[in-house]
Amino acid sequence: MKIIQTRFFAIAMLMASCLFTPTVSQAQTDLVMTEGVVRKLDLENRKITLKHGDIKNLDMPGMTMVFRLQQGISLDALKPGDKVLFHVEKIEGAYVITDLQGLP
């Protein structure tokens, strides 16, 4: 009887853990990238001004605006006029670039 209770308890715990395990949706793993052109770099304040197309994940039309850069994103290889692909998220009220890639 004790073996059955132990197995039942183990199965119940396994099933419960499945209910509380966070899952990553397809939308979270696929970054929506937007094309843009570098207009200005502010290395000291970790900001970049981009002329960009529609940002679909934020439902934002194309325009020119300043973005903050997430830690770890380097601007060393960029200069005004360069084309880029980027992903931006609204974090604590600010638009923050979380992925940035130069285009040829």
C-alpha atoms as a PDB file:
ATOM      1  CA  MET A   1       0.000   0.000   0.000  1.00  0.00           C
ATOM      2  CA  LYS A   2       2.837   2.402   0.843  1.00  0.00           C
ATOM      3  CA  ILE A   3       4.386   1.835  -2.628  1.00  0.00           C
ATOM      4  CA  ILE A   4       1.100   2.727  -4.323  1.00  0.00           C
ATOM      5  CA  GLN A   5       0.762   5.895  -2.219  1.00  0.00           C
ATOM      6  CA  THR A   6       4.350   6.899  -3.030  1.00  0.00           C
ATOM      7  CA  ARG A   7       3.856   6.370  -6.763  1.00  0.00           C
ATOM      8  CA  PHE A   8       0.540   8.210  -6.680  1.00  0.00           C
ATOM      9  CA  PHE A   9       2.199  11.125  -4.867  1.00  0.00           C
ATOM     10  CA  ALA A  10       5.105  11.187  -7.369  1.00  0.00           C
ATOM     11  CA  ILE A  11       2.719  11.189 -10.339  1.00  0.00           C
ATOM     12  CA  ALA A  12       0.592  13.926  -8.750  1.00  0.00           C
ATOM     13  CA  MET A  13       3.683  16.085  -8.153  1.00  0.00           C
ATOM     14  CA  LEU A  14       4.852  15.586 -11.729  1.00  0.00           C
ATOM     15  CA  MET A  15       1.463  16.590 -13.088  1.00  0.00           C
ATOM     16  CA  ALA A  16       1.331  19.647 -10.826  1.00  0.00           C
ATOM     17  CA  SER A  17       4.782  20.773 -11.931  1.00  0.00           C
ATOM     18  CA  CYS A  18       3.582  20.720 -15.553  1.00  0.00           C
ATOM     19  CA  LEU A  19       0.849  23.195 -14.648  1.00  0.00           C
ATOM     20  CA  PHE A  20       3.308  25.701 -13.206  1.00  0.00           C
ATOM     21  CA  THR A  21       6.184  25.335 -15.658  1.00  0.00           C
ATOM     22  CA  PRO A  22       6.421  28.440 -17.842  1.00  0.00           C
ATOM     23  CA  THR A  23       6.371  27.763 -21.547  1.00  0.00           C
ATOM     24  CA  VAL A  24       7.898  29.910 -24.260  1.00  0.00           C
ATOM     25  CA  SER A  25       5.483  30.710 -27.049  1.00  0.00           C
ATOM     26  CA  GLN A  26       6.538  30.856 -30.690  1.00  0.00           C
ATOM     27  CA  ALA A  27       6.020  34.635 -30.643  1.00  0.00           C
ATOM     28  CA  GLN A  28       8.524  35.039 -27.807  1.00  0.00           C
ATOM     29  CA  THR A  29      11.244  33.092 -29.605  1.00  0.00           C
ATOM     30  CA  ASP A  30      10.883  34.809 -33.001  1.00  0.00           C
ATOM     31  CA  LEU A  31      12.188  38.370 -32.851  1.00  0.00           C
ATOM     32  CA  VAL A  32      10.403  40.804 -35.140  1.00  0.00           C
ATOM     33  CA  MET A  33      13.206  42.681 -36.860  1.00  0.00           C
ATOM     34  CA  THR A  34      12.803  46.139 -38.396  1.00  0.00           C
ATOM     35  CA  GLU A  35      15.024  47.746 -41.007  1.00  0.00           C
ATOM     36  CA  GLY A  36      16.473  51.166 -40.297  1.00  0.00           C
ATOM     37  CA  VAL A  37      19.208  53.651 -41.173  1.00  0.00           C
ATOM     38  CA  VAL A  38      21.550  55.101 -38.554  1.00  0.00           C
ATOM     39  CA  ARG A  39      21.174  58.875 -38.341  1.00  0.00           C
ATOM     40  CA  LYS A  40      23.167  59.592 -35.162  1.00  0.00           C
ATOM     41  CA  LEU A  41      25.152  57.714 -32.510  1.00  0.00           C
ATOM     42  CA  ASP A  42      25.450  58.817 -28.875  1.00  0.00           C
ATOM     43  CA  LEU A  43      28.092  56.439 -27.515  1.00  0.00           C
ATOM     44  CA  GLU A  44      28.377  58.140 -24.135  1.00  0.00           C
ATOM     45  CA  ASN A  45      24.654  57.774 -23.355  1.00  0.00           C
ATOM     46  CA  ARG A  46      24.184  54.463 -25.231  1.00  0.00           C
ATOM     47  CA  LYS A  47      21.570  55.879 -27.613  1.00  0.00           C
ATOM     48  CA  ILE A  48      21.047  55.609 -31.345  1.00  0.00           C
ATOM     49  CA  THR A  49      18.880  57.665 -33.684  1.00  0.00           C
ATOM     50  CA  LEU A  50      17.324  55.579 -36.454  1.00  0.00           C
ATOM     51  CA  LYS A  51      15.110  56.319 -39.419  1.00  0.00           C
ATOM     52  CA  HIS A  52      13.025  53.141 -39.445  1.00  0.00           C
ATOM     53  CA  GLY A  53      10.142  51.407 -41.148  1.00  0.00           C
ATOM     54  CA  ASP A  54       7.035  50.158 -39.378  1.00  0.00           C
ATOM     55  CA  ILE A  55       7.815  48.409 -36.073  1.00  0.00           C
ATOM     56  CA  LYS A  56       5.225  45.644 -36.238  1.00  0.00           C
ATOM     57  CA  ASN A  57       5.626  44.248 -32.707  1.00  0.00           C
ATOM     58  CA  LEU A  58       4.892  47.722 -31.273  1.00  0.00           C
ATOM     59  CA  ASP A  59       2.303  48.710 -33.903  1.00  0.00           C
ATOM     60  CA  MET A  60       4.403  51.823 -34.630  1.00  0.00           C
ATOM     61  CA  PRO A  61       4.606  53.547 -38.029  1.00  0.00           C
ATOM     62  CA  GLY A  62       7.907  54.388 -39.673  1.00  0.00           C
ATOM     63  CA  MET A  63       9.663  57.554 -38.455  1.00  0.00           C
ATOM     64  CA  THR A  64      12.975  58.843 -37.128  1.00  0.00           C
ATOM     65  CA  MET A  65      13.512  58.486 -33.392  1.00  0.00           C
ATOM     66  CA  VAL A  66      16.034  57.911 -30.613  1.00  0.00           C
ATOM     67  CA  PHE A  67      16.328  54.509 -28.938  1.00  0.00           C
ATOM     68  CA  ARG A  68      18.185  53.314 -25.867  1.00  0.00           C
ATOM     69  CA  LEU A  69      20.467  50.310 -26.211  1.00  0.00           C
ATOM     70  CA  GLN A  70      20.331  47.245 -24.013  1.00  0.00           C
ATOM     71  CA  GLN A  71      23.598  46.363 -22.246  1.00  0.00           C
ATOM     72  CA  GLY A  72      25.845  44.212 -24.407  1.00  0.00           C
ATOM     73  CA  ILE A  73      24.910  45.807 -27.734  1.00  0.00           C
ATOM     74  CA  SER A  74      27.946  47.368 -29.363  1.00  0.00           C
ATOM     75  CA  LEU A  75      27.926  50.422 -31.625  1.00  0.00           C
ATOM     76  CA  ASP A  76      31.632  50.227 -32.456  1.00  0.00           C
ATOM     77  CA  ALA A  77      31.173  49.052 -36.044  1.00  0.00           C
ATOM     78  CA  LEU A  78      28.370  51.509 -36.929  1.00  0.00           C
ATOM     79  CA  LYS A  79      28.388  55.003 -38.381  1.00  0.00           C
ATOM     80  CA  PRO A  80      25.693  57.384 -39.626  1.00  0.00           C
ATOM     81  CA  GLY A  81      24.247  56.175 -42.929  1.00  0.00           C
ATOM     82  CA  ASP A  82      24.660  52.457 -42.137  1.00  0.00           C
ATOM     83  CA  LYS A  83      21.653  50.190 -42.666  1.00  0.00           C
ATOM     84  CA  VAL A  84      20.652  47.959 -39.748  1.00  0.00           C
ATOM     85  CA  LEU A  85      18.120  45.390 -38.635  1.00  0.00           C
ATOM     86  CA  PHE A  86      16.931  45.818 -35.073  1.00  0.00           C
ATOM     87  CA  HIS A  87      14.431  44.568 -32.521  1.00  0.00           C
ATOM     88  CA  VAL A  88      12.969  47.002 -30.012  1.00  0.00           C
ATOM     89  CA  GLU A  89      10.830  46.488 -26.907  1.00  0.00           C
ATOM     90  CA  LYS A  90       9.083  48.973 -24.650  1.00  0.00           C
ATOM     91  CA  ILE A  91      10.765  48.472 -21.256  1.00  0.00           C
ATOM     92  CA  GLU A  92       9.797  50.599 -18.250  1.00  0.00           C
ATOM     93  CA  GLY A  93       8.338  53.259 -20.542  1.00  0.00           C
ATOM     94  CA  ALA A  94      11.384  53.517 -22.824  1.00  0.00           C
ATOM     95  CA  TYR A  95      11.993  52.049 -26.275  1.00  0.00           C
ATOM     96  CA  VAL A  96      15.030  49.797 -25.907  1.00  0.00           C
ATOM     97  CA  ILE A  97      16.841  48.021 -28.732  1.00  0.00           C
ATOM     98  CA  THR A  98      17.460  44.437 -27.630  1.00  0.00           C
ATOM     99  CA  ASP A  99      19.029  43.164 -30.881  1.00  0.00           C
ATOM    100  CA  LEU A 100      20.966  45.117 -33.508  1.00  0.00           C
ATOM    101  CA  GLN A 101      22.645  43.825 -36.669  1.00  0.00           C
ATOM    102  CA  GLY A 102      24.454  45.745 -39.382  1.00  0.00           C
ATOM    103  CA  LEU A 103      23.383  45.160 -42.991  1.00  0.00           C
ATOM    104  CA  PRO A 104      25.719  45.118 -45.989  1.00  0.00           C
END
